[in-house]
């Protein structure tokens, strides 16, 4: 098998599981794997720890990436919004 075929099969397998790997996150953010693990430990990147492994769903990660990590929804003030303080 060629390298491009293997990588495309790996991409299909990862998207089918709905998970994103730590090395893939590191590559997307252009940081090291240890920095990704640190961000996971601190709760900056959404993930669940199972023993020694981290599970990060692709959907949760992409939502986090699109919003730059800011949470949105009811009860959470928007940045730059009217705080009511004069």
C-alpha atoms as a PDB file:
ATOM      1  CA  UNK A   1       0.000   0.000   0.000  1.00  0.00           C
ATOM      2  CA  UNK A   2       1.207   3.526  -0.668  1.00  0.00           C
ATOM      3  CA  UNK A   3       1.671   6.096   2.054  1.00  0.00           C
ATOM      4  CA  UNK A   4      -1.175   8.279   0.733  1.00  0.00           C
ATOM      5  CA  UNK A   5      -3.545   5.303   0.749  1.00  0.00           C
ATOM      6  CA  UNK A   6      -2.560   4.439   4.313  1.00  0.00           C
ATOM      7  CA  UNK A   7      -3.033   8.014   5.524  1.00  0.00           C
ATOM      8  CA  UNK A   8      -6.427   8.349   3.821  1.00  0.00           C
ATOM      9  CA  UNK A   9      -7.540   5.062   5.393  1.00  0.00           C
ATOM     10  CA  UNK A  10      -6.376   6.340   8.784  1.00  0.00           C
ATOM     11  CA  UNK A  11      -8.342   9.569   8.243  1.00  0.00           C
ATOM     12  CA  UNK A  12     -11.475   7.585   7.428  1.00  0.00           C
ATOM     13  CA  UNK A  13     -10.965   5.376  10.492  1.00  0.00           C
ATOM     14  CA  UNK A  14     -10.503   8.390  12.784  1.00  0.00           C
ATOM     15  CA  UNK A  15     -13.533  10.228  11.437  1.00  0.00           C
ATOM     16  CA  UNK A  16     -15.591   7.033  11.720  1.00  0.00           C
ATOM     17  CA  UNK A  17     -14.770   6.731  15.428  1.00  0.00           C
ATOM     18  CA  UNK A  18     -15.648  10.356  16.038  1.00  0.00           C
ATOM     19  CA  UNK A  19     -12.421  10.893  17.949  1.00  0.00           C
ATOM     20  CA  UNK A  20      -9.413  13.103  17.359  1.00  0.00           C
ATOM     21  CA  UNK A  21      -5.939  12.072  18.470  1.00  0.00           C
ATOM     22  CA  UNK A  22      -3.538  14.098  20.592  1.00  0.00           C
ATOM     23  CA  UNK A  23      -0.928  14.183  17.789  1.00  0.00           C
ATOM     24  CA  UNK A  24      -3.596  15.502  15.394  1.00  0.00           C
ATOM     25  CA  UNK A  25      -4.607  18.212  17.870  1.00  0.00           C
ATOM     26  CA  UNK A  26      -0.935  19.140  18.331  1.00  0.00           C
ATOM     27  CA  UNK A  27      -0.498  19.389  14.570  1.00  0.00           C
ATOM     28  CA  UNK A  28      -3.632  21.521  14.125  1.00  0.00           C
ATOM     29  CA  UNK A  29      -2.571  23.920  16.914  1.00  0.00           C
ATOM     30  CA  UNK A  30       1.103  23.789  15.894  1.00  0.00           C
ATOM     31  CA  UNK A  31       2.211  22.926  19.425  1.00  0.00           C
ATOM     32  CA  UNK A  32       3.829  19.892  21.033  1.00  0.00           C
ATOM     33  CA  UNK A  33       2.005  16.828  22.334  1.00  0.00           C
ATOM     34  CA  UNK A  34       2.991  17.639  25.919  1.00  0.00           C
ATOM     35  CA  UNK A  35       1.333  21.046  25.596  1.00  0.00           C
ATOM     36  CA  UNK A  36      -1.862  19.330  24.401  1.00  0.00           C
ATOM     37  CA  UNK A  37      -1.779  16.968  27.393  1.00  0.00           C
ATOM     38  CA  UNK A  38      -1.292  19.960  29.692  1.00  0.00           C
ATOM     39  CA  UNK A  39      -4.284  21.728  28.117  1.00  0.00           C
ATOM     40  CA  UNK A  40      -6.380  18.580  28.553  1.00  0.00           C
ATOM     41  CA  UNK A  41      -5.354  18.288  32.224  1.00  0.00           C
ATOM     42  CA  UNK A  42      -6.334  21.929  32.839  1.00  0.00           C
ATOM     43  CA  UNK A  43      -9.683  21.508  31.076  1.00  0.00           C
ATOM     44  CA  UNK A  44      -8.794  23.982  28.340  1.00  0.00           C
ATOM     45  CA  UNK A  45      -9.418  21.413  25.614  1.00  0.00           C
ATOM     46  CA  UNK A  46     -12.545  19.260  26.123  1.00  0.00           C
ATOM     47  CA  UNK A  47     -11.694  15.642  26.825  1.00  0.00           C
ATOM     48  CA  UNK A  48     -12.335  12.687  29.126  1.00  0.00           C
ATOM     49  CA  UNK A  49      -9.575  10.768  30.826  1.00  0.00           C
ATOM     50  CA  UNK A  50      -9.900   6.983  30.911  1.00  0.00           C
ATOM     51  CA  UNK A  51      -6.999   5.587  32.896  1.00  0.00           C
ATOM     52  CA  UNK A  52      -3.892   6.851  31.139  1.00  0.00           C
ATOM     53  CA  UNK A  53      -5.697   7.699  27.877  1.00  0.00           C
ATOM     54  CA  UNK A  54      -7.498  10.842  26.830  1.00  0.00           C
ATOM     55  CA  UNK A  55     -10.639  10.610  24.711  1.00  0.00           C
ATOM     56  CA  UNK A  56     -11.439  13.735  22.698  1.00  0.00           C
ATOM     57  CA  UNK A  57     -14.449  13.657  20.423  1.00  0.00           C
ATOM     58  CA  UNK A  58     -13.937  15.294  17.058  1.00  0.00           C
ATOM     59  CA  UNK A  59     -17.223  17.210  17.414  1.00  0.00           C
ATOM     60  CA  UNK A  60     -16.323  18.666  20.838  1.00  0.00           C
ATOM     61  CA  UNK A  61     -12.838  19.587  19.652  1.00  0.00           C
ATOM     62  CA  UNK A  62     -14.048  21.269  16.450  1.00  0.00           C
ATOM     63  CA  UNK A  63     -16.649  23.244  18.427  1.00  0.00           C
ATOM     64  CA  UNK A  64     -13.899  24.305  20.843  1.00  0.00           C
ATOM     65  CA  UNK A  65     -11.621  25.265  17.957  1.00  0.00           C
ATOM     66  CA  UNK A  66     -14.352  27.322  16.217  1.00  0.00           C
ATOM     67  CA  UNK A  67     -15.130  29.305  19.378  1.00  0.00           C
ATOM     68  CA  UNK A  68     -11.490  29.652  20.441  1.00  0.00           C
ATOM     69  CA  UNK A  69     -12.350  27.799  23.623  1.00  0.00           C
ATOM     70  CA  UNK A  70     -15.025  30.265  24.731  1.00  0.00           C
ATOM     71  CA  UNK A  71     -18.193  28.627  25.938  1.00  0.00           C
ATOM     72  CA  UNK A  72     -21.473  29.954  24.669  1.00  0.00           C
ATOM     73  CA  UNK A  73     -25.018  29.453  25.770  1.00  0.00           C
ATOM     74  CA  UNK A  74     -27.620  30.772  28.177  1.00  0.00           C
ATOM     75  CA  UNK A  75     -26.352  32.280  31.390  1.00  0.00           C
ATOM     76  CA  UNK A  76     -22.856  32.882  30.070  1.00  0.00           C
ATOM     77  CA  UNK A  77     -22.132  36.542  29.306  1.00  0.00           C
ATOM     78  CA  UNK A  78     -20.747  37.313  25.881  1.00  0.00           C
ATOM     79  CA  UNK A  79     -17.410  39.026  25.558  1.00  0.00           C
ATOM     80  CA  UNK A  80     -17.786  42.749  25.010  1.00  0.00           C
ATOM     81  CA  UNK A  81     -21.464  42.582  25.832  1.00  0.00           C
ATOM     82  CA  UNK A  82     -23.347  45.068  27.975  1.00  0.00           C
ATOM     83  CA  UNK A  83     -22.476  44.229  31.579  1.00  0.00           C
ATOM     84  CA  UNK A  84     -24.860  46.835  32.952  1.00  0.00           C
ATOM     85  CA  UNK A  85     -22.035  48.570  34.818  1.00  0.00           C
ATOM     86  CA  UNK A  86     -21.574  52.276  34.137  1.00  0.00           C
END
